[in-house]
């Protein structure tokens, strides 16, 4: 039983190590096996297999009258299941796209409010929402706009300035 518990604890330690050194085992076999085990030899998958093999083997050995061979077989089956689940979970996490970062062009057509009055031919400031966050931009307009006026963005001439027009309701 000590061997199985040692394998289980070793798998947990390997899982902790994988947080720092993930991809090391895949790097060893990268050129030789040409992606044959793509992701299956990652440290989290191996750690899941080893720890489940050890803990399941210890449980089977301690709670039944079966011998070490049967305990190892049961542990291998449970370890294969844990390794597969770890692999699938890792793939699912990698498929989750982070989405695209907001761009200046996303501001065109958005609405905001004037926070510093915009004179004719000069700059004022508007408060807009970019990616869900309020951002203040330098703004120009064809007509003078007072503080608090609701505006629409018509163009983004630079990364820090916009051209706006008043919203007519």
Protein backbone atom coordinates (compact mmCIF):
# COMPACT_ATOMS: atom_id res chain seq x y z
CA UNK A 1 0.00 0.00 0.00
CA UNK A 2 2.93 2.31 0.66
CA UNK A 3 3.99 2.11 -2.98
CA UNK A 4 0.52 3.16 -4.16
CA UNK A 5 0.31 6.04 -1.69
CA UNK A 6 3.79 7.13 -2.77
CA UNK A 7 2.66 7.15 -6.41
CA UNK A 8 -0.41 9.17 -5.49
CA UNK A 9 1.59 11.76 -3.57
CA UNK A 10 4.26 11.81 -6.28
CA UNK A 11 1.55 12.60 -8.83
CA UNK A 12 0.36 15.52 -6.70
CA UNK A 13 3.95 16.82 -6.46
CA UNK A 14 4.35 16.39 -10.22
CA UNK A 15 1.15 18.37 -10.73
CA UNK A 16 2.57 21.20 -8.60
CA UNK A 17 5.81 21.08 -10.61
CA UNK A 18 3.81 21.19 -13.85
CA UNK A 19 2.56 24.64 -12.94
CA UNK A 20 6.12 25.85 -13.46
CA UNK A 21 7.54 23.43 -16.05
CA UNK A 22 4.59 22.53 -18.28
CA UNK A 23 5.63 21.58 -21.80
CA UNK A 24 8.99 20.07 -20.78
CA UNK A 25 8.07 16.46 -21.60
CA UNK A 26 6.49 17.50 -24.89
CA UNK A 27 9.73 19.34 -25.72
CA UNK A 28 11.84 16.19 -25.26
CA UNK A 29 9.84 14.25 -27.84
CA UNK A 30 8.92 17.10 -30.17
CA UNK A 31 11.18 16.29 -33.10
CA UNK A 32 11.43 12.52 -32.64
CA UNK A 33 7.74 11.63 -32.56
CA UNK A 34 6.40 14.48 -34.74
CA UNK A 35 3.42 15.28 -32.55
CA UNK A 36 2.33 11.65 -32.13
CA UNK A 37 1.48 12.26 -28.48
CA UNK A 38 0.36 15.87 -28.96
CA UNK A 39 -0.66 16.94 -25.47
CA UNK A 40 -0.80 13.41 -24.04
CA UNK A 41 2.70 13.64 -22.54
CA UNK A 42 2.12 16.97 -20.87
CA UNK A 43 3.00 17.11 -17.19
CA UNK A 44 -0.59 17.69 -16.01
CA UNK A 45 -1.81 14.61 -17.91
CA UNK A 46 1.01 12.42 -16.58
CA UNK A 47 0.49 13.79 -13.07
CA UNK A 48 -3.25 13.03 -13.23
CA UNK A 49 -2.55 9.50 -14.40
CA UNK A 50 0.12 8.76 -11.77
CA UNK A 51 -1.79 10.23 -8.84
CA UNK A 52 -5.03 8.47 -9.75
CA UNK A 53 -3.14 5.20 -10.29
CA UNK A 54 -1.60 5.49 -6.86
CA UNK A 55 -4.62 6.59 -4.86
CA UNK A 56 -7.04 4.19 -6.58
CA UNK A 57 -4.56 1.33 -6.12
CA UNK A 58 -4.24 2.15 -2.42
CA UNK A 59 -8.04 2.29 -2.00
CA UNK A 60 -8.57 -1.04 -3.82
CA UNK A 61 -5.74 -2.71 -1.92
CA UNK A 62 -6.89 -1.43 1.46
CA UNK A 63 -10.64 -1.94 1.10
CA UNK A 64 -10.85 -5.25 -0.77
CA UNK A 65 -9.16 -8.62 -0.53
CA UNK A 66 -7.65 -8.24 -4.00
CA UNK A 67 -3.90 -8.35 -4.46
CA UNK A 68 -1.47 -5.74 -5.74
CA UNK A 69 -1.92 -6.80 -9.38
CA UNK A 70 -5.66 -6.17 -9.29
CA UNK A 71 -5.13 -2.92 -7.42
CA UNK A 72 -2.62 -1.79 -10.06
CA UNK A 73 -5.04 -2.74 -12.85
CA UNK A 74 -7.89 -0.80 -11.23
CA UNK A 75 -5.53 2.12 -10.66
CA UNK A 76 -4.38 2.05 -14.29
CA UNK A 77 -7.99 2.20 -15.51
CA UNK A 78 -8.80 5.09 -13.16
CA UNK A 79 -5.49 6.78 -14.09
CA UNK A 80 -6.29 6.52 -17.80
CA UNK A 81 -9.66 8.14 -17.11
CA UNK A 82 -8.05 10.95 -15.11
CA UNK A 83 -5.40 11.48 -17.80
CA UNK A 84 -8.06 11.64 -20.52
CA UNK A 85 -10.17 14.07 -18.48
CA UNK A 86 -7.12 16.26 -17.85
CA UNK A 87 -6.23 16.23 -21.54
CA UNK A 88 -9.78 17.16 -22.60
CA UNK A 89 -10.07 19.87 -19.95
CA UNK A 90 -6.74 21.37 -21.07
CA UNK A 91 -7.85 21.36 -24.71
CA UNK A 92 -11.13 23.02 -23.77
CA UNK A 93 -9.26 25.76 -21.93
CA UNK A 94 -6.97 26.36 -24.90
CA UNK A 95 -9.94 26.65 -27.27
CA UNK A 96 -11.50 29.43 -25.24
CA UNK A 97 -10.67 32.45 -27.34
CA UNK A 98 -9.83 35.55 -25.42
CA UNK A 99 -11.64 37.63 -27.99
CA UNK A 100 -10.11 40.53 -29.75
CA UNK A 101 -8.85 43.59 -28.03
CA UNK A 102 -10.88 46.74 -28.66
CA UNK A 103 -9.61 48.97 -31.46
CA UNK A 104 -10.02 52.67 -32.14
CA UNK A 105 -12.28 51.88 -35.09
CA UNK A 106 -14.72 50.28 -32.62
CA UNK A 107 -15.46 53.76 -31.30
CA UNK A 108 -17.03 54.99 -34.54
CA UNK A 109 -20.78 55.07 -34.00
CA UNK A 110 -20.59 54.91 -30.22
CA UNK A 111 -22.12 57.53 -27.99
CA UNK A 112 -20.69 59.49 -25.11
CA UNK A 113 -20.86 62.77 -23.23
CA UNK A 114 -18.84 65.96 -23.47
CA UNK A 115 -16.84 66.50 -20.25
CA UNK A 116 -14.96 69.60 -21.39
CA UNK A 117 -16.72 71.98 -23.80
CA UNK A 118 -15.63 71.68 -27.44
CA UNK A 119 -15.07 75.06 -29.16
CA UNK A 120 -15.25 75.50 -32.94
CA UNK A 121 -11.88 74.54 -34.45
CA UNK A 122 -10.49 73.46 -31.07
CA UNK A 123 -10.32 70.49 -28.78
CA UNK A 124 -12.50 69.49 -25.87
CA UNK A 125 -12.93 66.17 -24.10
CA UNK A 126 -15.53 63.42 -24.29
CA UNK A 127 -16.10 60.38 -22.12
CA UNK A 128 -16.64 57.19 -24.14
CA UNK A 129 -16.82 53.50 -23.36
CA UNK A 130 -14.14 51.30 -24.96
CA UNK A 131 -14.25 47.62 -24.09
CA UNK A 132 -16.67 48.34 -21.29
CA UNK A 133 -14.36 50.84 -19.61
CA UNK A 134 -14.88 54.60 -19.53
CA UNK A 135 -12.11 56.40 -21.41
CA UNK A 136 -11.62 60.13 -21.92
CA UNK A 137 -10.63 61.30 -25.42
CA UNK A 138 -9.69 64.63 -26.93
CA UNK A 139 -12.48 65.62 -29.30
CA UNK A 140 -13.21 68.01 -32.13
CA UNK A 141 -16.59 68.91 -33.65
CA UNK A 142 -17.98 70.98 -36.52
CA UNK A 143 -20.12 73.03 -34.12
CA UNK A 144 -19.44 74.13 -30.54
CA UNK A 145 -20.67 71.61 -27.95
CA UNK A 146 -21.32 72.35 -24.29
CA UNK A 147 -20.40 70.20 -21.30
CA UNK A 148 -22.91 67.36 -20.75
CA UNK A 149 -24.02 67.23 -24.38
CA UNK A 150 -24.58 63.70 -25.74
CA UNK A 151 -22.43 62.99 -28.82
CA UNK A 152 -21.81 60.35 -31.47
CA UNK A 153 -18.30 59.48 -32.65
CA UNK A 154 -17.94 60.00 -36.41
CA UNK A 155 -14.19 59.36 -36.83
CA UNK A 156 -11.02 58.43 -34.95
CA UNK A 157 -8.19 60.50 -36.46
CA UNK A 158 -5.65 59.29 -33.88
CA UNK A 159 -5.37 56.92 -30.93
CA UNK A 160 -6.15 59.69 -28.46
CA UNK A 161 -8.66 61.84 -30.33
CA UNK A 162 -12.07 61.51 -31.92
CA UNK A 163 -14.35 63.61 -34.08
CA UNK A 164 -17.91 63.88 -32.77
CA UNK A 165 -21.28 65.37 -33.59
CA UNK A 166 -24.20 66.19 -31.31
CA UNK A 167 -26.99 63.67 -30.93
CA UNK A 168 -30.27 65.15 -32.11
CA UNK A 169 -33.36 63.78 -30.38
